[in-house]
Amino acid sequence: MKYAKINPARDLLVPDFECYQMDLSGPVNAAIAAGEVDAEFKTLPSWAKFAKNPQRAKGFFVRMLQAVFLGIEHAELNTEDQIEVGVLEARIAMMFLPANIRKDCLLNAGKIAEQTLSGYEVVVLSGANGTTNHNAQQKTNEAISKGKPVLILAAQIAQRSYSIPEMTELYLAYDEGQEGATLQKMSRVLTPHNLDKIGRVFSLSFDPNRDDKFDAMIVETALNNKMRGSKTSLLDSLKDVLRTINIFKATPDGRVKINADTYLETAMARKGISRVLGKMADITKLSDDDIWALSQGECDYTRADKQAAAQRGKTKDTKPALIPTPKNASTNDFEKAKARVREMIVMLLDNIDVILCASGKMNLDEAMSTLAADVKLKQGFSNTFGIPLEVAQRLVSTGAINNDHISLLFRG
C-alpha cells in the first residue's frame, strides 16, 4: 500500500447518502377502511404478516406501491416529492422484503408489483425463478438495458457482491433484522456511478417511533471512530456521526430533517441504542465456557457440568435428558446461548441508570464493586434482573459491557 497513490477522482465518486423514515399508516388505514386486507393484518399490521400471505394484504401493498412510485395519494410516501428533485429519470429502485419470506410468496409480491406498476420492469430475485447470487446482477442489468424504470424485489439474494451503479433508491420493507444484514443491504445503493449520485435509503415502517433500522449504521460508525483512536466520548462521537448524515422524516408537507439531538433522544426513548449496543457487543471476549455459564445465569460453568453429571448418575430406568454443557452442546444450542447472553447485555444496558444510581457511582467497575460489597444491594440486583450479580460482573470484567456504553446511555 505504501506505493499506492491517492486518487481524488475516485473519492469524488463516492455517493452522497440520505436516509428517510416513512410512515405506512396512510395506505394501511385506507386499505383497512376499504376492506382490502384480512382480519389478521388488520389487527396489527406488520411486514411479517404481509410476507406470510401477500395476497391477503394486497390492498395495502398496492396502495403503498402507488404512493411511492406513482405519487398516487399519501404524499408522505411520494418519493419524488420527498427528495425534492422533481421527476426522476431512469428510475432504478430496490426493495428488500423480510428475509424469511417464502419463495412462492416473494414471487406473488412480484406479480402484485407488476400489476400495479405497469410502466416498470419488475425484477424478482428468488431461487424460485432460477435467480442465484451468481446471476442476480446479470439479470438486473438485462432489465435495466430495456430502458424502463426498474423495481428489484429481493429477500436474501443480492445482499452482498451485487453492484448496480444506476441504483439510487433502496427500500427496507421488513420489521426487524440483523444489524449486519441491514448494513449490507443499505450498501447496495452506494455503488459509485457519477459525481451527482445520491444514494437514498427509505425505511418503510408501520411504527416509525420504534423503527431502529438506521441506529445500527450510526452506532457502528461511532464505535469505529473510537476504535481508530478518537479521544472523544462515544456519545460525542455518535453526535458527530449524526451531524454528517442526512436523516429525514417524510411528512405530507415534505421531508423534515431530523437533527442529531432529536434523533438521539428518540433512539434512547425507544431503547434503540441499547438494543444495537447489545447486539453488537463483542462477546468474542468471552470464552465458550463463559457464554454457556452466563446464558444459564451461572457465574461458574462448572456448576452446569456438575448438574449434568448428577443427572447422568441416575438409574437407567429414568433415562433423563442430558443437560447440554459446553462439551456436548449442539451448534444450535450454543447459538441460542449466545443470543441469551446478548439479551442479557441489552437488559443491563436498558437499565444502566438503575445500576449506577443504586451504587452511587458513575464508573461501571466501581458500581459493580459497590453492589457486590453490600448484601442488600447484591440481593436487590438479583431480584430486579433475575440473574446473580456475578453474571453482570463477568460481562463488565471481560469488556462485553464497558464505560463507553455508560457515557452514551447515562448522562447523570
Protein backbone atom coordinates (compact mmCIF):
# COMPACT_ATOMS: atom_id res chain seq x y z
CA MET A 1 0.00 0.00 0.00
CA LYS A 2 2.95 2.39 0.55
CA TYR A 3 3.41 2.55 -3.24
CA ALA A 4 -0.26 3.32 -3.94
CA LYS A 5 -1.21 6.90 -4.66
CA ILE A 6 -4.40 8.63 -3.56
CA ASN A 7 -6.79 9.18 -6.44
CA PRO A 8 -9.02 12.19 -5.64
CA ALA A 9 -11.18 11.45 -8.68
CA ARG A 10 -12.26 8.13 -7.17
CA ASP A 11 -13.01 9.78 -3.83
CA LEU A 12 -15.36 12.17 -5.60
CA LEU A 13 -17.32 9.21 -6.99
CA VAL A 14 -18.37 8.08 -3.50
CA PRO A 15 -22.13 8.85 -3.49
CA ASP A 16 -23.73 11.23 -1.03
CA PHE A 17 -26.10 9.49 1.36
CA GLU A 18 -29.59 10.25 2.65
CA CYS A 19 -31.92 8.31 4.96
CA TYR A 20 -35.71 8.63 5.13
CA GLN A 21 -38.18 7.35 7.71
CA MET A 22 -41.54 6.67 6.04
CA ASP A 23 -44.80 6.03 7.90
CA LEU A 24 -47.07 3.39 6.31
CA SER A 25 -50.16 4.22 8.36
CA GLY A 26 -51.77 6.06 5.41
CA PRO A 27 -52.08 3.13 2.98
CA VAL A 28 -52.69 0.73 5.89
CA ASN A 29 -55.68 2.68 7.19
CA ALA A 30 -57.04 3.24 3.67
CA ALA A 31 -56.83 -0.49 2.88
CA ILE A 32 -58.50 -1.39 6.19
CA ALA A 33 -61.31 1.10 5.62
CA ALA A 34 -61.89 -0.35 2.15
CA GLY A 35 -61.92 -3.91 3.49
CA GLU A 36 -58.92 -4.84 1.35
CA VAL A 37 -56.92 -6.74 3.99
CA ASP A 38 -57.70 -9.79 6.10
CA ALA A 39 -58.51 -9.74 9.82
CA GLU A 40 -55.02 -10.78 10.94
CA PHE A 41 -53.29 -7.96 9.06
CA LYS A 42 -55.96 -5.50 10.17
CA THR A 43 -55.43 -6.26 13.87
CA LEU A 44 -51.71 -5.45 13.95
CA PRO A 45 -50.15 -4.73 10.55
CA SER A 46 -46.57 -5.86 10.00
CA TRP A 47 -44.25 -6.86 7.20
CA ALA A 48 -44.08 -10.33 8.72
CA LYS A 49 -47.82 -10.74 8.20
CA PHE A 50 -47.57 -9.40 4.67
CA ALA A 51 -44.76 -11.86 3.91
CA LYS A 52 -46.84 -14.75 5.23
CA ASN A 53 -49.52 -14.17 2.59
CA PRO A 54 -49.08 -11.14 0.28
CA GLN A 55 -52.42 -11.77 -1.41
CA ARG A 56 -54.33 -11.19 1.82
CA ALA A 57 -52.68 -7.79 2.27
CA LYS A 58 -52.72 -6.92 -1.44
CA GLY A 59 -54.80 -3.79 -0.91
CA PHE A 60 -52.17 -2.30 1.36
CA PHE A 61 -49.25 -3.28 -0.86
CA VAL A 62 -50.88 -1.85 -3.99
CA ARG A 63 -51.64 1.45 -2.27
CA MET A 64 -48.11 1.66 -0.89
CA LEU A 65 -46.52 0.99 -4.29
CA GLN A 66 -48.79 3.53 -5.98
CA ALA A 67 -47.86 6.18 -3.42
CA VAL A 68 -44.11 5.53 -3.51
CA PHE A 69 -43.58 5.06 -7.24
CA LEU A 70 -46.57 6.73 -8.91
CA GLY A 71 -47.33 9.56 -6.48
CA ILE A 72 -50.97 8.48 -6.04
CA GLU A 73 -52.34 9.71 -2.67
CA HIS A 74 -50.38 9.60 0.60
CA ALA A 75 -47.95 12.42 -0.17
CA GLU A 76 -45.71 11.36 2.73
CA LEU A 77 -44.76 8.30 0.67
CA ASN A 78 -44.30 10.05 -2.70
CA THR A 79 -40.56 9.63 -3.15
CA GLU A 80 -40.21 12.15 -5.98
CA ASP A 81 -41.93 14.79 -3.82
CA GLN A 82 -39.96 13.95 -0.67
CA ILE A 83 -36.47 14.08 -2.21
CA GLU A 84 -37.27 17.44 -3.87
CA VAL A 85 -35.65 16.80 -7.24
CA GLY A 86 -38.71 16.69 -9.49
CA VAL A 87 -39.35 13.75 -11.79
CA LEU A 88 -36.73 11.01 -11.50
CA GLU A 89 -35.23 9.91 -14.78
CA ALA A 90 -34.25 6.26 -15.43
CA ARG A 91 -35.51 5.24 -12.02
CA ILE A 92 -33.78 2.14 -10.60
CA ALA A 93 -35.07 1.10 -7.16
CA MET A 94 -34.63 -1.94 -4.93
CA MET A 95 -36.88 -3.22 -2.14
CA PHE A 96 -35.86 -5.81 0.46
CA LEU A 97 -38.77 -7.77 1.91
CA PRO A 98 -38.48 -9.93 5.08
CA ALA A 99 -35.62 -12.42 4.87
CA ASN A 100 -37.87 -15.32 5.91
CA ILE A 101 -40.50 -14.76 3.21
CA ARG A 102 -41.21 -18.00 1.33
CA LYS A 103 -40.10 -18.17 -2.28
CA ASP A 104 -43.65 -18.51 -3.58
CA CYS A 105 -44.75 -15.51 -1.51
CA LEU A 106 -41.90 -13.41 -2.89
CA LEU A 107 -43.00 -14.33 -6.41
CA ASN A 108 -46.58 -13.34 -5.51
CA ALA A 109 -45.37 -9.98 -4.24
CA GLY A 110 -43.58 -9.54 -7.55
CA LYS A 111 -46.76 -10.30 -9.50
CA ILE A 112 -48.68 -7.71 -7.47
CA ALA A 113 -45.94 -5.16 -8.22
CA GLU A 114 -46.07 -5.95 -11.94
CA GLN A 115 -49.85 -5.46 -11.99
CA THR A 116 -49.58 -2.19 -10.07
CA LEU A 117 -46.59 -0.62 -11.82
CA SER A 118 -47.40 -1.30 -15.45
CA GLY A 119 -44.69 1.04 -16.71
CA TYR A 120 -41.97 -0.66 -14.68
CA GLU A 121 -39.75 -3.62 -15.28
CA VAL A 122 -40.13 -5.67 -12.06
CA VAL A 123 -37.22 -7.99 -11.25
CA VAL A 124 -37.75 -10.64 -8.56
CA LEU A 125 -34.54 -12.10 -7.18
CA SER A 126 -35.65 -15.51 -5.95
CA GLY A 127 -34.38 -19.04 -6.21
CA ALA A 128 -37.90 -19.97 -7.31
CA ASN A 129 -37.29 -18.37 -10.71
CA GLY A 130 -33.70 -19.53 -11.06
CA THR A 131 -32.00 -16.48 -9.59
CA THR A 132 -28.82 -17.02 -7.59
CA ASN A 133 -26.27 -14.68 -6.02
CA HIS A 134 -24.10 -15.52 -9.03
CA ASN A 135 -26.55 -14.40 -11.74
CA ALA A 136 -28.62 -11.78 -9.86
CA GLN A 137 -26.56 -8.85 -11.11
CA GLN A 138 -26.68 -10.02 -14.72
CA LYS A 139 -30.44 -10.49 -14.51
CA THR A 140 -30.84 -6.96 -13.15
CA ASN A 141 -28.62 -5.40 -15.81
CA GLU A 142 -30.65 -7.12 -18.54
CA ALA A 143 -33.80 -5.49 -17.15
CA ILE A 144 -32.11 -2.08 -16.94
CA SER A 145 -30.99 -2.35 -20.58
CA LYS A 146 -34.65 -2.26 -21.66
CA GLY A 147 -34.76 1.45 -20.80
CA LYS A 148 -37.76 1.31 -18.47
CA PRO A 149 -37.90 2.20 -14.75
CA VAL A 150 -36.91 -0.84 -12.70
CA LEU A 151 -38.07 -2.16 -9.33
CA ILE A 152 -36.00 -5.01 -7.87
CA LEU A 153 -37.61 -7.17 -5.19
CA ALA A 154 -35.38 -9.34 -3.01
CA ALA A 155 -35.22 -11.03 0.37
CA GLN A 156 -31.87 -12.77 0.89
CA ILE A 157 -30.28 -12.83 -2.55
CA ALA A 158 -28.15 -9.77 -3.52
CA GLN A 159 -27.31 -8.63 -0.02
CA ARG A 160 -23.62 -8.69 -0.99
CA SER A 161 -21.48 -8.93 -4.15
CA TYR A 162 -24.23 -7.17 -6.06
CA SER A 163 -23.36 -3.79 -7.55
CA ILE A 164 -25.76 -1.77 -9.67
CA PRO A 165 -24.25 1.71 -10.24
CA GLU A 166 -27.51 3.14 -11.61
CA MET A 167 -29.48 2.27 -8.45
CA THR A 168 -30.31 5.33 -6.32
CA GLU A 169 -33.23 4.13 -4.17
CA LEU A 170 -33.31 1.35 -1.60
CA TYR A 171 -36.44 0.45 0.39
CA LEU A 172 -36.25 -1.57 3.62
CA ALA A 173 -39.61 -3.35 3.85
CA TYR A 174 -39.25 -5.53 6.94
CA ASP A 175 -39.93 -5.11 10.64
CA GLU A 176 -36.62 -6.06 12.15
CA GLY A 177 -33.37 -7.55 11.00
CA GLN A 178 -29.83 -8.32 11.98
CA GLU A 179 -27.71 -5.20 12.12
CA GLY A 180 -25.02 -6.61 9.83
CA ALA A 181 -27.54 -7.69 7.21
CA THR A 182 -29.24 -4.29 7.24
CA LEU A 183 -25.91 -2.52 6.75
CA GLN A 184 -25.11 -4.79 3.81
CA LYS A 185 -28.48 -4.07 2.23
CA MET A 186 -28.04 -0.32 2.65
CA SER A 187 -24.66 -0.56 0.89
CA ARG A 188 -26.38 -1.72 -2.31
CA VAL A 189 -27.30 1.88 -3.09
CA LEU A 190 -23.77 3.21 -2.56
CA THR A 191 -22.05 1.79 -5.64
CA PRO A 192 -20.27 4.73 -7.37
CA HIS A 193 -21.78 5.90 -10.65
CA ASN A 194 -21.33 9.60 -11.33
CA LEU A 195 -20.46 12.79 -9.46
CA ASP A 196 -24.12 13.69 -8.89
CA LYS A 197 -25.29 10.39 -7.45
CA ILE A 198 -27.08 10.38 -4.09
CA GLY A 199 -27.83 7.02 -2.52
CA ARG A 200 -31.15 7.17 -0.68
CA VAL A 201 -32.41 4.58 1.81
CA PHE A 202 -36.08 4.54 2.81
CA SER A 203 -37.25 2.66 5.89
CA LEU A 204 -40.90 1.69 5.35
CA SER A 205 -42.25 1.32 8.88
CA PHE A 206 -45.63 0.52 10.39
CA ASP A 207 -44.47 2.21 13.62
CA PRO A 208 -41.81 4.89 12.97
CA ASN A 209 -41.44 5.54 16.70
CA ARG A 210 -39.97 2.03 17.07
CA ASP A 211 -38.08 1.94 13.79
CA ASP A 212 -34.40 1.41 14.58
CA LYS A 213 -33.01 0.34 11.18
CA PHE A 214 -30.70 3.37 10.94
CA ASP A 215 -29.45 3.06 14.53
CA ALA A 216 -27.04 0.22 13.74
CA MET A 217 -25.32 2.20 10.98
CA ILE A 218 -24.91 5.25 13.22
CA VAL A 219 -23.71 3.36 16.30
CA GLU A 220 -21.29 1.18 14.32
CA THR A 221 -19.75 4.24 12.69
CA ALA A 222 -19.31 5.88 16.10
CA LEU A 223 -17.76 2.71 17.53
CA ASN A 224 -15.38 2.50 14.55
CA ASN A 225 -14.30 6.09 15.21
CA LYS A 226 -13.50 5.11 18.79
CA MET A 227 -11.55 2.06 17.63
CA ARG A 228 -9.48 4.29 15.32
CA GLY A 229 -8.31 6.23 18.37
CA SER A 230 -10.86 9.03 18.69
CA LYS A 231 -10.41 10.66 22.09
CA THR A 232 -14.00 11.88 22.28
CA SER A 233 -16.65 10.00 24.26
CA LEU A 234 -18.88 7.55 22.43
CA LEU A 235 -21.75 9.99 22.93
CA ASP A 236 -19.84 12.85 21.28
CA SER A 237 -18.67 10.51 18.52
CA LEU A 238 -22.29 9.49 17.91
CA LYS A 239 -23.34 13.14 17.68
CA ASP A 240 -20.52 13.82 15.22
CA VAL A 241 -21.73 10.95 13.04
CA LEU A 242 -25.31 12.19 13.15
CA ARG A 243 -24.19 15.65 12.02
CA THR A 244 -22.63 14.17 8.89
CA ILE A 245 -25.65 12.07 7.83
CA ASN A 246 -28.87 13.50 6.44
CA ILE A 247 -31.80 11.73 8.11
CA PHE A 248 -35.26 12.91 7.16
CA LYS A 249 -38.77 12.22 8.37
CA ALA A 250 -41.17 12.04 5.44
CA THR A 251 -44.36 14.05 6.06
CA PRO A 252 -47.39 15.08 3.95
CA ASP A 253 -45.80 18.54 3.68
CA GLY A 254 -42.42 17.23 2.60
CA ARG A 255 -39.30 15.99 4.29
CA VAL A 256 -38.17 17.32 7.65
CA LYS A 257 -34.53 16.92 8.62
CA ILE A 258 -34.01 15.28 11.99
CA ASN A 259 -31.19 16.94 13.95
CA ALA A 260 -28.66 15.00 15.99
CA ASP A 261 -30.13 15.72 19.44
CA THR A 262 -33.68 14.90 18.36
CA TYR A 263 -32.67 11.63 16.74
CA LEU A 264 -30.59 10.63 19.74
CA GLU A 265 -33.40 11.46 22.16
CA THR A 266 -35.90 9.43 20.14
CA ALA A 267 -33.50 6.50 19.79
CA MET A 268 -32.90 6.48 23.54
CA ALA A 269 -36.64 6.57 24.24
CA ARG A 270 -37.31 3.56 22.03
CA LYS A 271 -34.30 1.73 23.53
CA GLY A 272 -32.84 1.56 20.05
CA ILE A 273 -29.28 2.45 21.07
CA SER A 274 -29.12 -0.11 23.87
CA ARG A 275 -30.52 -2.81 21.57
CA VAL A 276 -27.89 -2.07 18.95
CA LEU A 277 -25.08 -1.97 21.51
CA GLY A 278 -26.27 -5.27 22.94
CA LYS A 279 -26.44 -6.95 19.54
CA MET A 280 -23.07 -5.52 18.51
CA ALA A 281 -21.35 -6.28 21.83
CA ASP A 282 -18.04 -8.06 21.35
CA ILE A 283 -18.83 -11.36 23.04
CA THR A 284 -15.72 -12.87 21.48
CA LYS A 285 -14.06 -11.52 24.62
CA LEU A 286 -15.96 -14.24 26.47
CA SER A 287 -14.79 -17.83 26.44
CA ASP A 288 -17.19 -20.56 25.29
CA ASP A 289 -17.48 -21.64 28.92
CA ASP A 290 -18.31 -18.05 29.93
CA ILE A 291 -21.02 -17.80 27.27
CA TRP A 292 -22.61 -21.06 28.31
CA ALA A 293 -22.48 -20.24 32.02
CA LEU A 294 -23.82 -16.71 31.56
CA SER A 295 -26.67 -17.96 29.37
CA GLN A 296 -27.70 -20.26 32.22
CA GLY A 297 -27.50 -17.43 34.76
CA GLU A 298 -24.45 -19.11 36.33
CA CYS A 299 -21.26 -17.36 37.40
CA ASP A 300 -19.31 -20.65 37.33
CA TYR A 301 -19.78 -23.00 34.36
CA THR A 302 -18.63 -25.97 36.49
CA ARG A 303 -22.00 -25.86 38.21
CA ALA A 304 -23.68 -26.84 34.95
CA ASP A 305 -21.16 -29.64 34.49
CA LYS A 306 -21.85 -30.94 38.00
CA GLN A 307 -25.59 -30.79 37.44
CA ALA A 308 -25.23 -32.74 34.19
CA ALA A 309 -23.03 -35.31 35.92
CA ALA A 310 -25.62 -35.75 38.66
CA GLN A 311 -28.31 -36.35 36.05
CA ARG A 312 -26.15 -38.91 34.26
CA GLY A 313 -25.65 -40.74 37.57
CA LYS A 314 -29.35 -41.54 37.97
CA THR A 315 -30.73 -45.01 37.28
CA LYS A 316 -31.20 -46.05 33.69
CA ASP A 317 -34.92 -46.51 34.23
CA THR A 318 -35.47 -42.76 34.41
CA LYS A 319 -33.49 -42.08 31.20
CA PRO A 320 -33.09 -38.34 31.86
CA ALA A 321 -32.29 -35.98 29.01
CA LEU A 322 -28.66 -34.97 29.02
CA ILE A 323 -28.28 -31.38 30.13
CA PRO A 324 -26.27 -29.50 27.47
CA THR A 325 -22.87 -28.19 28.57
CA PRO A 326 -20.06 -26.57 26.59
CA LYS A 327 -18.73 -30.07 25.96
CA ASN A 328 -21.84 -31.66 24.50
CA ALA A 329 -23.97 -28.74 23.30
CA SER A 330 -25.04 -28.71 19.68
CA THR A 331 -24.26 -25.76 17.41
CA ASN A 332 -27.89 -24.71 17.65
CA ASP A 333 -27.79 -24.89 21.46
CA PHE A 334 -24.70 -22.74 21.55
CA GLU A 335 -26.16 -20.15 19.16
CA LYS A 336 -29.15 -19.89 21.48
CA ALA A 337 -26.75 -19.46 24.40
CA LYS A 338 -25.02 -16.57 22.63
CA ALA A 339 -28.39 -14.99 21.84
CA ARG A 340 -29.33 -15.24 25.51
CA VAL A 341 -26.09 -13.51 26.53
CA ARG A 342 -26.82 -10.67 24.10
CA GLU A 343 -30.35 -10.37 25.52
CA MET A 344 -28.78 -10.15 28.97
CA ILE A 345 -26.45 -7.36 27.82
CA VAL A 346 -29.38 -5.44 26.31
CA MET A 347 -31.36 -5.81 29.54
CA LEU A 348 -28.49 -4.46 31.63
CA LEU A 349 -27.81 -1.60 29.21
CA ASP A 350 -31.51 -0.70 29.20
CA ASN A 351 -31.31 -0.34 32.98
CA ILE A 352 -27.84 1.11 33.36
CA ASP A 353 -29.28 4.18 35.11
CA VAL A 354 -30.79 1.95 37.80
CA ILE A 355 -27.45 0.22 38.38
CA LEU A 356 -25.45 3.45 38.61
CA CYS A 357 -27.98 5.25 40.78
CA ALA A 358 -28.24 2.32 43.20
CA SER A 359 -24.46 2.22 43.59
CA GLY A 360 -23.93 5.97 43.60
CA LYS A 361 -21.08 5.56 41.12
CA MET A 362 -20.50 6.81 37.59
CA ASN A 363 -17.87 4.21 36.72
CA LEU A 364 -19.18 0.75 35.84
CA ASP A 365 -16.39 -1.19 37.54
CA GLU A 366 -16.81 0.82 40.72
CA ALA A 367 -20.59 0.38 40.56
CA MET A 368 -20.25 -3.41 40.41
CA SER A 369 -17.77 -3.46 43.31
CA THR A 370 -20.07 -1.31 45.42
CA LEU A 371 -23.07 -3.55 44.78
CA ALA A 372 -21.04 -6.68 45.49
CA ALA A 373 -19.88 -5.32 48.85
CA ASP A 374 -23.44 -4.69 50.10
CA VAL A 375 -25.55 -7.80 50.84
CA LYS A 376 -28.87 -5.98 50.40
CA LEU A 377 -27.83 -4.27 47.17
CA LYS A 378 -26.49 -7.54 45.82
CA GLN A 379 -29.75 -9.34 46.57
CA GLY A 380 -31.73 -6.40 45.20
CA PHE A 381 -29.81 -6.67 41.93
CA SER A 382 -30.61 -10.37 41.67
CA ASN A 383 -34.29 -9.76 42.45
CA THR A 384 -34.53 -6.94 39.90
CA PHE A 385 -32.76 -8.55 36.96
CA GLY A 386 -33.24 -12.24 37.66
CA ILE A 387 -29.54 -13.06 37.43
CA PRO A 388 -26.75 -13.19 40.02
CA LEU A 389 -24.63 -10.04 40.32
CA GLU A 390 -21.59 -12.17 39.47
CA VAL A 391 -23.00 -12.68 35.98
CA ALA A 392 -23.10 -8.93 35.33
CA GLN A 393 -19.64 -8.55 36.85
CA ARG A 394 -18.31 -11.11 34.40
CA LEU A 395 -19.75 -9.15 31.46
CA VAL A 396 -18.10 -5.99 32.77
CA SER A 397 -14.72 -7.54 33.62
CA THR A 398 -14.38 -9.02 30.12
CA GLY A 399 -15.32 -5.74 28.46
CA ALA A 400 -18.53 -7.03 26.85
CA ILE A 401 -20.14 -4.09 28.67
CA ASN A 402 -17.85 -1.10 29.17
CA ASN A 403 -17.69 2.52 30.23
CA ASP A 404 -18.07 3.75 26.63
CA HIS A 405 -21.58 2.33 26.77
CA ILE A 406 -22.12 4.24 30.02
CA SER A 407 -21.10 7.56 28.50
CA LEU A 408 -23.64 7.04 25.76
CA LEU A 409 -26.58 5.71 27.75
CA PHE A 410 -26.27 7.54 31.07
CA ARG A 411 -25.69 11.25 31.36
CA GLY A 412 -26.49 11.72 35.04
